[in-house]
Protein backbone atom coordinates (compact mmCIF):
# COMPACT_ATOMS: atom_id res chain seq x y z
CA UNK A 1 -39.30 114.49 39.79
CA UNK A 2 -40.55 111.02 38.97
CA UNK A 3 -40.76 109.68 35.45
CA UNK A 4 -44.18 110.08 33.87
CA UNK A 5 -45.15 106.86 32.13
CA UNK A 6 -48.47 108.05 30.68
CA UNK A 7 -49.44 108.13 27.02
CA UNK A 8 -48.65 111.86 26.82
CA UNK A 9 -45.06 111.06 27.79
CA UNK A 10 -44.76 108.29 25.20
CA UNK A 11 -46.26 110.48 22.48
CA UNK A 12 -43.89 113.34 23.30
CA UNK A 13 -40.88 111.02 23.38
CA UNK A 14 -41.85 109.27 20.14
CA UNK A 15 -42.37 112.60 18.38
CA UNK A 16 -39.01 113.95 19.52
CA UNK A 17 -37.24 110.74 18.48
CA UNK A 18 -38.91 110.82 15.05
CA UNK A 19 -37.89 114.46 14.49
CA UNK A 20 -34.34 113.65 15.63
CA UNK A 21 -34.08 110.69 13.24
CA UNK A 22 -35.43 112.82 10.35
CA UNK A 23 -32.97 115.63 11.05
CA UNK A 24 -30.01 113.25 11.19
CA UNK A 25 -31.17 111.47 8.01
CA UNK A 26 -31.36 114.83 6.23
CA UNK A 27 -27.79 115.68 7.31
CA UNK A 28 -26.56 112.26 6.19
CA UNK A 29 -28.23 112.65 2.80
CA UNK A 30 -26.59 116.07 2.34
CA UNK A 31 -23.16 114.56 3.06
CA UNK A 32 -23.75 111.57 0.77
CA UNK A 33 -24.90 113.85 -2.09
CA UNK A 34 -21.90 116.13 -1.68
CA UNK A 35 -19.58 113.10 -1.64
CA UNK A 36 -21.21 111.58 -4.76
CA UNK A 37 -20.97 114.92 -6.59
CA UNK A 38 -17.40 115.52 -5.45
CA UNK A 39 -18.58 118.85 -4.04
CA UNK A 40 -18.05 120.50 -0.72
CA UNK A 41 -20.87 119.75 1.71
CA UNK A 42 -23.26 122.63 2.48
CA UNK A 43 -21.65 123.59 5.80
CA UNK A 44 -24.25 126.16 6.86
CA UNK A 45 -27.14 123.76 6.26
CA UNK A 46 -25.32 120.94 8.06
CA UNK A 47 -24.52 123.17 11.03
CA UNK A 48 -28.19 124.11 11.17
CA UNK A 49 -29.19 120.44 11.06
CA UNK A 50 -26.71 119.56 13.81
CA UNK A 51 -28.00 122.40 15.97
CA UNK A 52 -31.56 121.19 15.44
CA UNK A 53 -30.49 117.59 16.23
CA UNK A 54 -28.89 118.68 19.49
CA UNK A 55 -32.05 120.58 20.46
CA UNK A 56 -34.13 117.49 19.68
CA UNK A 57 -31.76 115.28 21.65
CA UNK A 58 -32.26 117.60 24.62
CA UNK A 59 -36.04 117.18 24.21
CA UNK A 60 -35.63 113.38 24.16
CA UNK A 61 -33.45 113.44 27.27
CA UNK A 62 -35.88 115.75 29.04
CA UNK A 63 -38.81 113.47 28.27
CA UNK A 64 -36.98 110.20 28.97
CA UNK A 65 -35.23 111.20 32.17
CA UNK A 66 -37.74 113.70 33.56
CA UNK A 67 -35.15 116.48 33.52
CA UNK A 68 -36.54 119.71 34.89
CA UNK A 69 -35.24 122.85 33.18
CA UNK A 70 -35.38 125.96 35.34
CA UNK A 71 -34.75 129.49 34.13
CA UNK A 72 -33.99 131.89 36.97
CA UNK A 73 -34.69 135.47 35.87
CA UNK A 74 -33.45 137.99 38.41
CA UNK A 75 -32.48 141.65 38.16
CA UNK A 76 -29.60 140.85 40.53
CA UNK A 77 -27.39 138.67 38.31
CA UNK A 78 -25.26 137.44 41.20
CA UNK A 79 -28.30 136.34 43.20
CA UNK A 80 -29.78 134.70 40.10
CA UNK A 81 -26.61 132.69 39.51
CA UNK A 82 -26.41 131.66 43.17
CA UNK A 83 -30.02 130.48 42.97
CA UNK A 84 -29.38 128.53 39.75
CA UNK A 85 -26.25 126.98 41.26
CA UNK A 86 -28.21 125.86 44.32
CA UNK A 87 -30.86 124.30 42.09
CA UNK A 88 -28.21 122.50 40.04
CA UNK A 89 -26.85 121.00 43.26
CA UNK A 90 -30.33 119.61 43.86
CA UNK A 91 -30.40 117.97 40.41
CA UNK A 92 -32.24 120.58 38.36
CA UNK A 93 -30.96 121.77 35.00
CA UNK A 94 -30.90 125.45 35.96
CA UNK A 95 -29.60 128.60 34.31
CA UNK A 96 -29.80 132.23 35.29
CA UNK A 97 -30.28 135.34 33.19
CA UNK A 98 -30.87 139.02 33.67
CA UNK A 99 -33.34 139.16 30.80
CA UNK A 100 -35.98 136.98 29.21
CA UNK A 101 -35.07 134.49 26.49
CA UNK A 102 -37.30 132.31 24.36
CA UNK A 103 -38.80 129.66 26.59
CA UNK A 104 -38.70 125.97 25.78
CA UNK A 105 -41.72 123.76 26.39
CA UNK A 106 -41.90 122.73 30.04
CA UNK A 107 -39.39 125.34 31.27
CA UNK A 108 -40.04 126.31 34.86
CA UNK A 109 -39.46 130.03 35.26
CA UNK A 110 -38.38 131.58 38.56
CA UNK A 111 -39.09 135.27 38.04
CA UNK A 112 -38.12 138.39 39.97
CA UNK A 113 -40.88 140.98 39.60
CA UNK A 114 -38.19 143.66 39.24
CA UNK A 115 -37.73 142.52 35.62
CA UNK A 116 -41.36 142.88 34.59
CA UNK A 117 -40.98 146.44 33.28
CA UNK A 118 -38.23 145.28 30.87
CA UNK A 119 -40.51 142.78 29.07
CA UNK A 120 -42.34 143.53 25.86
CA UNK A 121 -45.90 142.30 25.30
CA UNK A 122 -44.81 139.04 23.62
CA UNK A 123 -42.43 138.25 26.47
CA UNK A 124 -45.15 139.02 29.03
CA UNK A 125 -47.50 136.66 27.22
CA UNK A 126 -44.85 133.90 27.18
CA UNK A 127 -44.15 134.49 30.86
CA UNK A 128 -47.85 134.31 31.71
CA UNK A 129 -48.21 131.07 29.73
CA UNK A 130 -45.27 129.60 31.68
CA UNK A 131 -47.01 130.28 35.03
CA UNK A 132 -43.82 131.48 36.74
CA UNK A 133 -42.78 131.12 40.33
CA UNK A 134 -42.42 134.73 41.41
CA UNK A 135 -39.68 135.69 43.86
CA UNK A 136 -39.61 139.22 45.14
CA UNK A 137 -38.59 141.34 48.08
CA UNK A 138 -41.92 143.17 47.93
CA UNK A 139 -44.65 141.95 50.24
CA UNK A 140 -47.18 144.66 49.36
CA UNK A 141 -50.63 143.95 47.89
CA UNK A 142 -49.72 145.69 44.60
CA UNK A 143 -46.84 143.25 43.98
CA UNK A 144 -49.12 140.34 44.78
CA UNK A 145 -51.68 141.70 42.30
CA UNK A 146 -48.98 141.99 39.62
CA UNK A 147 -47.98 138.37 40.27
CA UNK A 148 -51.63 137.35 39.94
CA UNK A 149 -51.89 139.31 36.67
CA UNK A 150 -49.06 137.26 35.15
CA UNK A 151 -50.74 134.07 36.39
CA UNK A 152 -47.91 133.24 38.80
CA UNK A 153 -47.97 129.69 40.08
CA UNK A 154 -46.43 130.72 43.40
CA UNK A 155 -45.29 133.89 45.16
CA UNK A 156 -42.21 133.63 47.37
CA UNK A 157 -40.63 136.42 49.40
CA UNK A 158 -36.89 136.98 49.32
CA UNK A 159 -34.72 135.75 50.79
CA UNK A 160 -35.89 132.36 49.57
CA UNK A 161 -34.35 129.18 50.92
CA UNK A 162 -33.32 126.88 48.07
CA UNK A 163 -35.33 123.99 49.56
CA UNK A 164 -38.46 126.17 49.63
CA UNK A 165 -37.91 127.05 45.98
CA UNK A 166 -37.31 123.38 45.10
CA UNK A 167 -40.60 122.48 46.78
CA UNK A 168 -42.39 125.14 44.71
CA UNK A 169 -40.75 123.80 41.53
CA UNK A 170 -41.86 120.25 42.40
CA UNK A 171 -45.43 121.45 42.95
CA UNK A 172 -45.30 123.33 39.63
CA UNK A 173 -44.10 120.21 37.80
CA UNK A 174 -46.75 118.06 39.47
CA UNK A 175 -49.42 120.51 38.26
CA UNK A 176 -48.07 120.30 34.71
CA UNK A 177 -48.17 116.51 34.66
CA UNK A 178 -51.86 116.41 35.73
């Protein structure tokens, strides 16, 4: 999980910092205008700006500190949370869910094939683009073919040791930085 010092990193960081500064400047201008007019500030717009600023700050932190975000998608919510907890202990920013959410750039997805049937076509496309690490209890050729069809980066059989999963995540991140 080393820090990438290439030009891609600097460009991404500079872009995120610029967007953060612009968002905060917009919020400040809204407050200054409301104060000058003696009017109440536009709370909904300011809350939106603050939400956007926090998202951008997360992008800056991710780029600057090489934080790896992992989304563990498992049909067994308890197992998914245990997996995410184990990854957090190893320093990953991990969350678990029983259903797909919108993916952020650079999210590493750990995906249980049991959830595939619940995804719509847009979610399947996003999952395929993310090149997930598939974890499954099924060792049959059909499951392997399904994993290949969603362009899985790796295919791990349950039960998966957390160190084995961390190694797969590290390989996935190394591929992304190439």
